[in-house]
C-alpha cells in the first residue's frame, strides 16, 4: 500500500479514536454513565432492549405467597387448541405463554420452550396497573384520603411548582398530570433508559418538572407511575415505616389471592442503600399469577369472599380517562370493539386482557411484539387477535 493511502487510513483511525474518546467522556461525565450498564445488559447480552428474563440483572425484593390456590380446570381444557395461524405467529414472536381463563376456570394454557407454568418473567409496564391497584387499596385502608389527593401532600418537592402543586394521584395514574417525560425504549441515551439502568429511580423522576397544566392532556409516561409509587410509598411508611411496595403487594393481593409461588419486584439498587421498587415495571411472576390480576378486575375487586379492591375504584380504572377512549387509569381499552375489553400492557407484548361480556381473561407473555397498530388507537393489532382467539375458545 502506498504511503499517502497509509496516511489517510492513519488519520481516519485517529479521528475515530478521538470521536470514541470524546463520546466516552461525554457519557461518563455528562450524567449518562448508565449507558454502560444498559450496554452490558442489552446489546452485550444479545438483546436490543430490556428483556423478560432480566431479573438477575437487578436487586430483587421478594413478594411472598402463602397457601397456593391453583386455577380450577375447565372441562374443555384438554381439547382446546390454539388456531394454527395464531400458533405460528406466537412461535415466530418468541412467546413464552398463552393462557385463556373462562368463567374463572383455566380453559387453555400453552407454554413455549424453555418456558413452563412456573417460569417467572418480567411484567414490564403491566406493573403500572398494579401500582394503581395498590393505590386504590391504600385509599380503602386509610393510608391515603382519596384517589384525588394532591401529589404535593406526599411530595413536598413539588409544593412550590405552579403546575406540580395542582397534580393529583389520580392524574398520575391516568397519565394526565403534565409531568415532563420522554418515553423511549430503544435509544441508549434518554430518560427512560436512565430510569431503567441508572440505579436511582427517585432522583431521576424528581429531577423532572411539569411541562403542562395537570388535567390538560394525555401523555403515556413511565415516570408518572414512578412518581405515583413514590407518593404511595411515603403514605404507607408515614403510618407503618416497615412497609414497602413489595410487602404491601404481598399482604394486600398476593397472599389473599392464593398466588402460585412467590414473585419478585426489581429494585433500582440494594434496599440497604435506599433502593426502591422500579414501580413502573418489573414484577417477575408466572402467567397463571398475572392472569389472577385480570380476574380480580373482572370480578370488580372481589376475590372469594374478600373485597380486595372497592368495586367503585375498579369501575373508575376501567373507564376512559376523558382525553382518549383507549386509556383509563393504568389500563388500556377498546370500549367500542364488538366485545369491549381492557388490558394490562407491557413492553415486548406482555398482556393480560379482560373481556367482561364473555367473562374472559387472556394472557400472552413473550419476547417480541408485533408492531402494527389499530389506525385510530394505540392498541397493537395482535391484541385483537388474542381477544378473538379467546372468544373462539370460550364458544
Protein backbone atom coordinates (compact mmCIF):
# COMPACT_ATOMS: atom_id res chain seq x y z
CA UNK A 1 0.00 0.00 0.00
CA UNK A 2 1.35 3.45 -0.93
CA UNK A 3 2.38 5.93 1.77
CA UNK A 4 -0.41 8.51 1.04
CA UNK A 5 -3.07 5.84 1.45
CA UNK A 6 -1.48 4.71 4.72
CA UNK A 7 -1.50 8.28 5.99
CA UNK A 8 -5.21 8.68 5.15
CA UNK A 9 -6.02 5.40 6.96
CA UNK A 10 -3.99 6.52 9.98
CA UNK A 11 -5.76 9.87 10.04
CA UNK A 12 -9.14 8.17 9.78
CA UNK A 13 -8.35 5.81 12.64
CA UNK A 14 -7.05 8.70 14.70
CA UNK A 15 -10.24 10.68 14.10
CA UNK A 16 -12.36 7.64 15.00
CA UNK A 17 -10.42 7.07 18.23
CA UNK A 18 -10.75 10.76 19.10
CA UNK A 19 -14.51 10.59 18.49
CA UNK A 20 -14.81 7.50 20.65
CA UNK A 21 -12.80 9.19 23.38
CA UNK A 22 -14.97 12.31 23.32
CA UNK A 23 -18.12 10.19 23.39
CA UNK A 24 -16.80 8.17 26.34
CA UNK A 25 -16.01 11.35 28.28
CA UNK A 26 -19.47 12.75 27.44
CA UNK A 27 -21.13 9.55 28.64
CA UNK A 28 -19.07 9.22 31.80
CA UNK A 29 -19.10 12.82 32.96
CA UNK A 30 -22.26 14.15 31.30
CA UNK A 31 -24.69 12.29 33.54
CA UNK A 32 -25.01 9.33 31.19
CA UNK A 33 -22.91 6.68 32.92
CA UNK A 34 -26.00 4.42 32.95
CA UNK A 35 -25.16 3.83 29.27
CA UNK A 36 -22.51 1.27 30.22
CA UNK A 37 -24.97 -0.72 32.34
CA UNK A 38 -27.54 -0.57 29.58
CA UNK A 39 -24.96 -1.74 27.04
CA UNK A 40 -23.91 -4.64 29.26
CA UNK A 41 -27.43 -5.90 29.91
CA UNK A 42 -28.83 -5.45 26.41
CA UNK A 43 -26.54 -5.50 23.36
CA UNK A 44 -23.73 -7.41 25.07
CA UNK A 45 -26.32 -9.93 26.26
CA UNK A 46 -27.77 -10.48 22.79
CA UNK A 47 -30.74 -8.08 23.03
CA UNK A 48 -31.52 -4.63 21.65
CA UNK A 49 -33.63 -3.59 24.67
CA UNK A 50 -34.57 -4.81 28.14
CA UNK A 51 -35.93 -8.37 28.07
CA UNK A 52 -38.30 -10.56 30.04
CA UNK A 53 -35.58 -12.69 31.66
CA UNK A 54 -33.54 -9.88 33.21
CA UNK A 55 -34.41 -10.39 36.89
CA UNK A 56 -30.82 -11.47 37.65
CA UNK A 57 -29.55 -8.10 36.42
CA UNK A 58 -31.21 -6.23 39.31
CA UNK A 59 -31.66 -6.45 43.05
CA UNK A 60 -34.98 -8.15 43.79
CA UNK A 61 -37.49 -7.60 46.57
CA UNK A 62 -39.49 -10.69 47.44
CA UNK A 63 -43.28 -10.76 47.11
CA UNK A 64 -44.01 -13.88 49.15
CA UNK A 65 -47.06 -16.07 48.70
CA UNK A 66 -48.56 -18.37 51.30
CA UNK A 67 -51.06 -21.14 50.51
CA UNK A 68 -51.37 -21.57 46.75
CA UNK A 69 -54.85 -21.99 45.30
CA UNK A 70 -54.38 -23.37 41.76
CA UNK A 71 -56.80 -22.46 39.00
CA UNK A 72 -59.80 -24.72 38.56
CA UNK A 73 -59.68 -26.52 35.21
CA UNK A 74 -62.40 -26.05 32.63
CA UNK A 75 -63.79 -29.41 31.47
CA UNK A 76 -62.91 -28.49 27.86
CA UNK A 77 -59.27 -27.66 28.62
CA UNK A 78 -57.78 -30.92 27.32
CA UNK A 79 -59.43 -30.47 23.91
CA UNK A 80 -58.82 -26.73 23.41
CA UNK A 81 -56.14 -25.81 20.86
CA UNK A 82 -54.75 -22.53 19.56
CA UNK A 83 -55.73 -21.82 15.94
CA UNK A 84 -52.82 -22.89 13.65
CA UNK A 85 -52.18 -19.42 12.17
CA UNK A 86 -52.09 -17.78 15.59
CA UNK A 87 -49.88 -20.55 16.95
CA UNK A 88 -47.42 -19.90 14.15
CA UNK A 89 -47.39 -16.18 14.98
CA UNK A 90 -46.89 -16.84 18.67
CA UNK A 91 -43.95 -19.11 17.90
CA UNK A 92 -42.39 -16.63 15.48
CA UNK A 93 -42.67 -13.85 18.06
CA UNK A 94 -40.86 -15.94 20.69
CA UNK A 95 -43.80 -16.15 23.02
CA UNK A 96 -43.44 -17.55 26.49
CA UNK A 97 -47.07 -18.29 27.37
CA UNK A 98 -50.64 -18.04 26.11
CA UNK A 99 -53.48 -18.62 28.60
CA UNK A 100 -57.24 -18.31 28.48
CA UNK A 101 -59.40 -18.15 31.59
CA UNK A 102 -63.16 -18.50 31.09
CA UNK A 103 -65.72 -18.02 33.85
CA UNK A 104 -62.98 -18.28 36.45
CA UNK A 105 -61.55 -21.56 35.15
CA UNK A 106 -58.41 -22.34 33.17
CA UNK A 107 -59.64 -23.12 29.66
CA UNK A 108 -56.30 -23.20 27.85
CA UNK A 109 -52.59 -22.80 28.50
CA UNK A 110 -49.65 -23.22 26.16
CA UNK A 111 -46.02 -22.62 27.07
CA UNK A 112 -43.22 -22.24 24.57
CA UNK A 113 -39.84 -23.77 25.38
CA UNK A 114 -37.92 -23.09 27.53
CA UNK A 115 -40.82 -21.54 29.48
CA UNK A 116 -43.19 -23.51 31.72
CA UNK A 117 -46.08 -22.87 34.09
CA UNK A 118 -43.62 -21.94 36.84
CA UNK A 119 -41.42 -19.61 34.77
CA UNK A 120 -41.23 -16.07 36.11
CA UNK A 121 -40.87 -13.32 33.53
CA UNK A 122 -40.85 -9.54 33.63
CA UNK A 123 -44.23 -7.83 33.64
CA UNK A 124 -42.73 -4.59 32.33
CA UNK A 125 -45.46 -1.91 32.30
CA UNK A 126 -48.20 -4.27 33.46
CA UNK A 127 -46.76 -3.24 36.85
CA UNK A 128 -48.26 0.22 36.28
CA UNK A 129 -51.71 -1.30 36.71
CA UNK A 130 -50.57 -2.99 39.91
CA UNK A 131 -49.36 0.35 41.32
CA UNK A 132 -52.76 1.89 40.66
CA UNK A 133 -54.46 -1.12 42.27
CA UNK A 134 -52.22 -0.73 45.33
CA UNK A 135 -53.12 2.97 45.46
CA UNK A 136 -56.80 2.05 45.48
CA UNK A 137 -56.14 -0.43 48.26
CA UNK A 138 -54.26 2.24 50.23
CA UNK A 139 -57.27 4.56 49.95
CA UNK A 140 -59.53 1.76 51.20
CA UNK A 141 -57.12 1.04 54.06
CA UNK A 142 -57.00 4.70 55.12
CA UNK A 143 -53.37 5.35 54.23
CA UNK A 144 -54.47 7.93 51.62
CA UNK A 145 -57.54 10.21 51.96
CA UNK A 146 -58.73 9.76 48.37
CA UNK A 147 -57.57 8.98 44.85
CA UNK A 148 -57.80 12.71 44.11
CA UNK A 149 -55.36 13.65 46.87
CA UNK A 150 -52.84 16.29 45.75
CA UNK A 151 -49.44 14.85 44.95
CA UNK A 152 -47.72 17.56 46.99
CA UNK A 153 -49.18 16.14 50.21
CA UNK A 154 -46.58 13.37 49.93
CA UNK A 155 -44.05 15.01 47.64
CA UNK A 156 -43.36 18.48 49.06
CA UNK A 157 -40.67 18.68 46.38
CA UNK A 158 -43.49 19.87 44.11
CA UNK A 159 -45.29 22.10 46.61
CA UNK A 160 -43.92 25.30 45.06
CA UNK A 161 -44.19 24.11 41.48
CA UNK A 162 -47.11 26.11 39.96
CA UNK A 163 -48.21 23.05 37.99
CA UNK A 164 -46.97 20.17 40.11
CA UNK A 165 -48.69 21.54 43.20
CA UNK A 166 -52.03 21.06 41.41
CA UNK A 167 -51.43 17.47 40.24
CA UNK A 168 -53.32 14.61 41.88
CA UNK A 169 -52.60 10.93 42.36
CA UNK A 170 -55.47 10.05 40.02
CA UNK A 171 -53.99 12.22 37.26
CA UNK A 172 -50.65 10.42 37.55
CA UNK A 173 -52.49 7.11 37.15
CA UNK A 174 -54.43 8.40 34.14
CA UNK A 175 -51.25 9.85 32.55
CA UNK A 176 -52.80 13.34 32.54
CA UNK A 177 -50.70 15.01 35.25
CA UNK A 178 -48.48 17.01 32.89
CA UNK A 179 -45.27 15.62 34.38
CA UNK A 180 -42.40 16.15 31.96
CA UNK A 181 -41.03 13.00 30.37
CA UNK A 182 -39.77 11.35 27.17
CA UNK A 183 -40.86 7.72 26.74
CA UNK A 184 -38.50 5.68 24.54
CA UNK A 185 -37.26 2.09 24.94
CA UNK A 186 -34.53 1.77 22.36
CA UNK A 187 -32.42 4.96 22.35
CA UNK A 188 -29.31 4.37 24.51
CA UNK A 189 -29.16 7.92 25.88
CA UNK A 190 -32.60 9.05 27.04
CA UNK A 191 -34.55 9.45 30.31
CA UNK A 192 -36.36 6.10 30.06
CA UNK A 193 -33.07 4.21 29.69
CA UNK A 194 -31.67 6.16 32.64
CA UNK A 195 -34.76 5.31 34.69
CA UNK A 196 -34.26 1.60 33.96
CA UNK A 197 -30.49 1.30 34.26
CA UNK A 198 -29.44 4.38 36.23
CA UNK A 199 -29.84 2.99 39.74
CA UNK A 200 -31.82 5.95 41.13
CA UNK A 201 -35.47 5.98 40.09
CA UNK A 202 -36.46 8.57 42.68
CA UNK A 203 -33.76 11.06 41.75
CA UNK A 204 -34.45 10.57 38.04
CA UNK A 205 -38.18 11.33 38.17
CA UNK A 206 -37.92 14.13 40.74
CA UNK A 207 -35.40 15.88 38.51
CA UNK A 208 -38.27 16.41 36.06
CA UNK A 209 -40.80 19.19 36.48
CA UNK A 210 -44.25 19.64 34.96
CA UNK A 211 -44.46 20.74 31.33
CA UNK A 212 -48.20 21.38 31.14
CA UNK A 213 -51.14 22.02 33.46
CA UNK A 214 -52.46 18.91 35.20
CA UNK A 215 -55.59 17.54 33.60
CA UNK A 216 -54.90 19.18 30.24
CA UNK A 217 -53.63 16.32 28.10
CA UNK A 218 -52.90 12.58 27.99
CA UNK A 219 -49.26 11.51 27.64
CA UNK A 220 -48.12 7.98 28.46
CA UNK A 221 -45.19 8.12 30.85
CA UNK A 222 -43.30 5.61 32.97
CA UNK A 223 -42.14 8.46 35.20
CA UNK A 224 -45.75 9.29 36.12
CA UNK A 225 -46.20 5.83 37.62
CA UNK A 226 -42.87 6.04 39.45
CA UNK A 227 -43.90 9.39 40.95
CA UNK A 228 -47.26 7.87 41.96
CA UNK A 229 -45.43 4.94 43.54
CA UNK A 230 -43.14 7.27 45.48
CA UNK A 231 -46.17 9.09 46.88
CA UNK A 232 -47.77 5.73 47.74
CA UNK A 233 -44.62 4.52 49.48
CA UNK A 234 -44.40 7.67 51.58
CA UNK A 235 -48.08 7.40 52.50
CA UNK A 236 -47.61 3.79 53.62
CA UNK A 237 -44.44 4.47 55.60
CA UNK A 238 -45.92 7.51 57.33
CA UNK A 239 -48.18 5.04 59.16
CA UNK A 240 -46.11 1.85 59.06
CA UNK A 241 -42.39 2.58 58.47
CA UNK A 242 -41.60 -1.05 57.69
CA UNK A 243 -43.98 -1.21 54.72
CA UNK A 244 -42.65 -1.28 51.17
CA UNK A 245 -44.47 -1.60 47.89
CA UNK A 246 -43.41 -5.26 47.74
CA UNK A 247 -44.61 -6.17 51.23
CA UNK A 248 -47.87 -4.28 50.66
CA UNK A 249 -48.42 -6.13 47.38
CA UNK A 250 -47.82 -9.43 49.17
CA UNK A 251 -50.22 -8.75 52.02
CA UNK A 252 -52.90 -6.96 50.00
CA UNK A 253 -53.12 -9.16 46.89
CA UNK A 254 -50.53 -11.91 46.54
CA UNK A 255 -51.40 -13.86 49.67
CA UNK A 256 -55.19 -13.38 49.81
CA UNK A 257 -55.43 -14.43 46.15
CA UNK A 258 -53.52 -17.68 46.66
CA UNK A 259 -50.85 -16.90 44.08
CA UNK A 260 -48.88 -19.93 42.91
CA UNK A 261 -45.40 -19.12 44.20
CA UNK A 262 -43.51 -16.05 45.31
CA UNK A 263 -42.92 -13.17 42.92
CA UNK A 264 -40.21 -10.52 42.99
CA UNK A 265 -40.04 -6.81 42.18
CA UNK A 266 -36.86 -5.28 40.77
CA UNK A 267 -35.16 -2.59 42.85
CA UNK A 268 -33.04 0.19 41.42
CA UNK A 269 -30.29 -0.64 43.94
CA UNK A 270 -29.97 -2.62 47.20
CA UNK A 271 -32.56 -1.77 49.84
CA UNK A 272 -29.78 -1.02 52.36
CA UNK A 273 -28.59 1.73 50.01
CA UNK A 274 -32.01 3.31 49.77
CA UNK A 275 -33.22 1.14 46.91
CA UNK A 276 -36.82 1.40 45.75
CA UNK A 277 -39.05 -0.73 43.54
CA UNK A 278 -38.87 0.06 39.84
CA UNK A 279 -42.59 0.56 40.16
CA UNK A 280 -43.42 1.44 36.56
CA UNK A 281 -42.20 -2.01 35.52
CA UNK A 282 -40.56 -5.21 36.59
CA UNK A 283 -42.72 -7.52 38.66
CA UNK A 284 -41.47 -11.02 37.90
CA UNK A 285 -44.06 -13.78 38.10
CA UNK A 286 -45.82 -16.53 36.19
CA UNK A 287 -48.54 -16.35 33.55
CA UNK A 288 -51.04 -18.01 35.89
CA UNK A 289 -50.44 -15.36 38.53
CA UNK A 290 -50.65 -12.46 36.08
CA UNK A 291 -53.98 -13.93 34.95
CA UNK A 292 -55.28 -13.62 38.52
CA UNK A 293 -54.78 -9.86 38.40
CA UNK A 294 -57.08 -9.71 35.38
CA UNK A 295 -59.58 -11.99 37.07
CA UNK A 296 -59.64 -9.73 40.14
CA UNK A 297 -60.52 -6.73 37.97
CA UNK A 298 -63.13 -8.79 36.09
CA UNK A 299 -64.74 -9.64 39.43
CA UNK A 300 -64.90 -5.99 40.46
CA UNK A 301 -62.19 -6.36 43.10
CA UNK A 302 -63.87 -9.35 44.77
CA UNK A 303 -61.86 -12.49 45.44
CA UNK A 304 -63.72 -15.29 47.14
CA UNK A 305 -65.49 -13.56 50.00
CA UNK A 306 -62.96 -10.71 50.26
CA UNK A 307 -63.41 -7.33 48.61
CA UNK A 308 -59.73 -6.70 47.91
CA UNK A 309 -60.45 -3.55 45.91
CA UNK A 310 -63.55 -1.38 46.17
CA UNK A 311 -65.87 -2.09 43.25
CA UNK A 312 -66.28 1.63 42.53
CA UNK A 313 -62.50 2.01 42.28
CA UNK A 314 -62.30 -0.80 39.71
CA UNK A 315 -65.12 0.88 37.77
CA UNK A 316 -63.08 4.09 37.72
CA UNK A 317 -59.99 2.24 36.49
CA UNK A 318 -61.79 0.69 33.53
CA UNK A 319 -63.42 3.90 32.27
CA UNK A 320 -61.69 6.05 29.61
CA UNK A 321 -59.80 8.92 31.20
CA UNK A 322 -61.70 11.70 29.43
CA UNK A 323 -58.97 12.56 26.92
CA UNK A 324 -58.68 9.36 24.91
CA UNK A 325 -61.06 6.41 24.83
CA UNK A 326 -58.27 3.81 24.80
CA UNK A 327 -56.76 4.53 28.25
CA UNK A 328 -58.31 4.67 31.72
CA UNK A 329 -56.35 4.51 34.95
CA UNK A 330 -53.27 2.41 34.14
CA UNK A 331 -55.36 0.27 31.80
CA UNK A 332 -55.60 0.23 28.00
CA UNK A 333 -59.00 -0.46 26.46
CA UNK A 334 -61.29 -0.52 23.48
CA UNK A 335 -64.86 0.09 24.67
CA UNK A 336 -66.08 0.24 21.05
CA UNK A 337 -64.98 -3.22 19.95
CA UNK A 338 -67.62 -5.85 19.19
CA UNK A 339 -66.64 -7.39 22.53
CA UNK A 340 -65.39 -4.42 24.61
CA UNK A 341 -62.21 -5.15 26.54
CA UNK A 342 -59.48 -3.59 28.68
CA UNK A 343 -55.98 -4.81 29.33
CA UNK A 344 -52.68 -4.55 31.17
CA UNK A 345 -49.83 -3.99 28.73
CA UNK A 346 -46.06 -4.28 28.99
CA UNK A 347 -43.00 -3.77 26.77
CA UNK A 348 -42.43 -6.51 24.16
CA UNK A 349 -46.06 -7.59 24.27
CA UNK A 350 -46.90 -8.62 27.82
CA UNK A 351 -50.70 -8.65 28.02
CA UNK A 352 -53.47 -9.51 30.46
CA UNK A 353 -56.70 -8.87 28.56
CA UNK A 354 -60.15 -8.81 30.18
CA UNK A 355 -63.36 -9.23 28.15
CA UNK A 356 -66.16 -8.68 30.68
CA UNK A 357 -69.09 -9.69 28.44
CA UNK A 358 -67.56 -13.13 27.94
CA UNK A 359 -66.13 -13.48 31.48
CA UNK A 360 -62.79 -13.94 29.76
CA UNK A 361 -59.15 -13.30 30.69
CA UNK A 362 -56.42 -13.82 28.07
CA UNK A 363 -52.70 -13.72 28.86
CA UNK A 364 -49.81 -13.52 26.41
CA UNK A 365 -46.18 -13.21 27.54
CA UNK A 366 -43.14 -13.17 25.28
CA UNK A 367 -40.01 -11.63 23.81
CA UNK A 368 -41.31 -9.89 20.67
CA UNK A 369 -44.25 -7.58 19.96
CA UNK A 370 -45.97 -7.50 16.54
CA UNK A 371 -45.56 -3.82 15.64
CA UNK A 372 -48.71 -2.87 13.77
CA UNK A 373 -51.39 -0.76 15.39
CA UNK A 374 -55.07 -0.04 15.04
CA UNK A 375 -55.22 3.14 12.96
CA UNK A 376 -57.41 5.01 15.44
CA UNK A 377 -55.98 3.79 18.73
CA UNK A 378 -52.59 3.00 20.23
CA UNK A 379 -53.57 -0.66 20.54
CA UNK A 380 -51.47 -3.31 18.75
CA UNK A 381 -53.42 -5.34 16.21
CA UNK A 382 -52.23 -8.53 17.88
CA UNK A 383 -54.34 -7.69 20.94
CA UNK A 384 -57.48 -8.02 18.81
CA UNK A 385 -56.25 -11.41 17.57
CA UNK A 386 -55.81 -12.56 21.16
CA UNK A 387 -59.27 -11.32 22.11
CA UNK A 388 -60.85 -13.06 19.13
CA UNK A 389 -58.99 -16.29 19.88
CA UNK A 390 -60.14 -16.24 23.48
CA UNK A 391 -63.71 -15.69 22.35
CA UNK A 392 -63.44 -18.57 19.87
CA UNK A 393 -62.14 -20.91 22.55
CA UNK A 394 -64.83 -19.87 25.02
CA UNK A 395 -67.58 -20.54 22.48
